[in-house]
Amino acid sequence: QYYAESKADYNRYIEHHAQRLRKDGTDKWGDQFVGFRSLMQVVN
């Protein structure tokens, strides 16, 4: 689970890091894990 300060930060993560991190997981665990994205807003 990750926390981003803004939607722009989240989009930057998706654009620059998500594919590599998913590949790292697949390389390590093959099809023995589940990854998914969800986006929630913190409500105070």
Protein backbone atom coordinates (compact mmCIF):
# COMPACT_ATOMS: atom_id res chain seq x y z
CA GLN A 1 0.00 0.00 0.00
CA TYR A 2 1.27 3.45 -0.89
CA TYR A 3 0.28 6.99 0.05
CA ALA A 4 0.59 9.95 -2.32
CA GLU A 5 0.28 13.60 -1.34
CA SER A 6 -1.63 14.41 -4.53
CA LYS A 7 -3.24 12.89 -7.61
CA ALA A 8 -0.30 14.29 -9.60
CA ASP A 9 2.13 12.32 -7.39
CA TYR A 10 0.05 9.17 -7.91
CA ASN A 11 0.05 9.69 -11.67
CA ARG A 12 3.83 10.20 -11.60
CA TYR A 13 4.22 6.90 -9.72
CA ILE A 14 2.05 5.11 -12.31
CA GLU A 15 3.98 6.65 -15.19
CA HIS A 16 7.52 6.16 -13.85
CA HIS A 17 7.53 3.23 -11.39
CA ALA A 18 4.45 0.99 -11.48
CA GLN A 19 5.42 -1.15 -14.46
CA ARG A 20 8.90 -1.86 -13.08
CA LEU A 21 7.59 -2.72 -9.61
CA ARG A 22 4.96 -5.06 -11.06
CA LYS A 23 7.67 -6.76 -13.12
CA ASP A 24 9.84 -7.11 -10.00
CA GLY A 25 6.96 -8.90 -8.26
CA THR A 26 6.30 -11.15 -11.24
CA ASP A 27 10.01 -11.99 -11.56
CA LYS A 28 10.18 -12.89 -7.87
CA TRP A 29 6.85 -14.68 -7.33
CA GLY A 30 5.57 -15.55 -10.82
CA ASP A 31 1.82 -16.03 -10.76
CA GLN A 32 1.75 -16.61 -6.98
CA PHE A 33 0.62 -13.09 -6.07
CA VAL A 34 -2.18 -10.68 -6.85
CA GLY A 35 -1.63 -7.00 -7.50
CA PHE A 36 -4.31 -4.39 -8.05
CA ARG A 37 -4.75 -0.65 -7.94
CA SER A 38 -7.34 1.33 -6.09
CA LEU A 39 -7.43 5.02 -5.40
CA MET A 40 -9.01 6.44 -2.26
CA GLN A 41 -9.28 9.92 -0.86
CA VAL A 42 -8.46 10.66 2.78
CA VAL A 43 -11.47 12.21 4.50
CA ASN A 44 -10.86 14.11 7.72
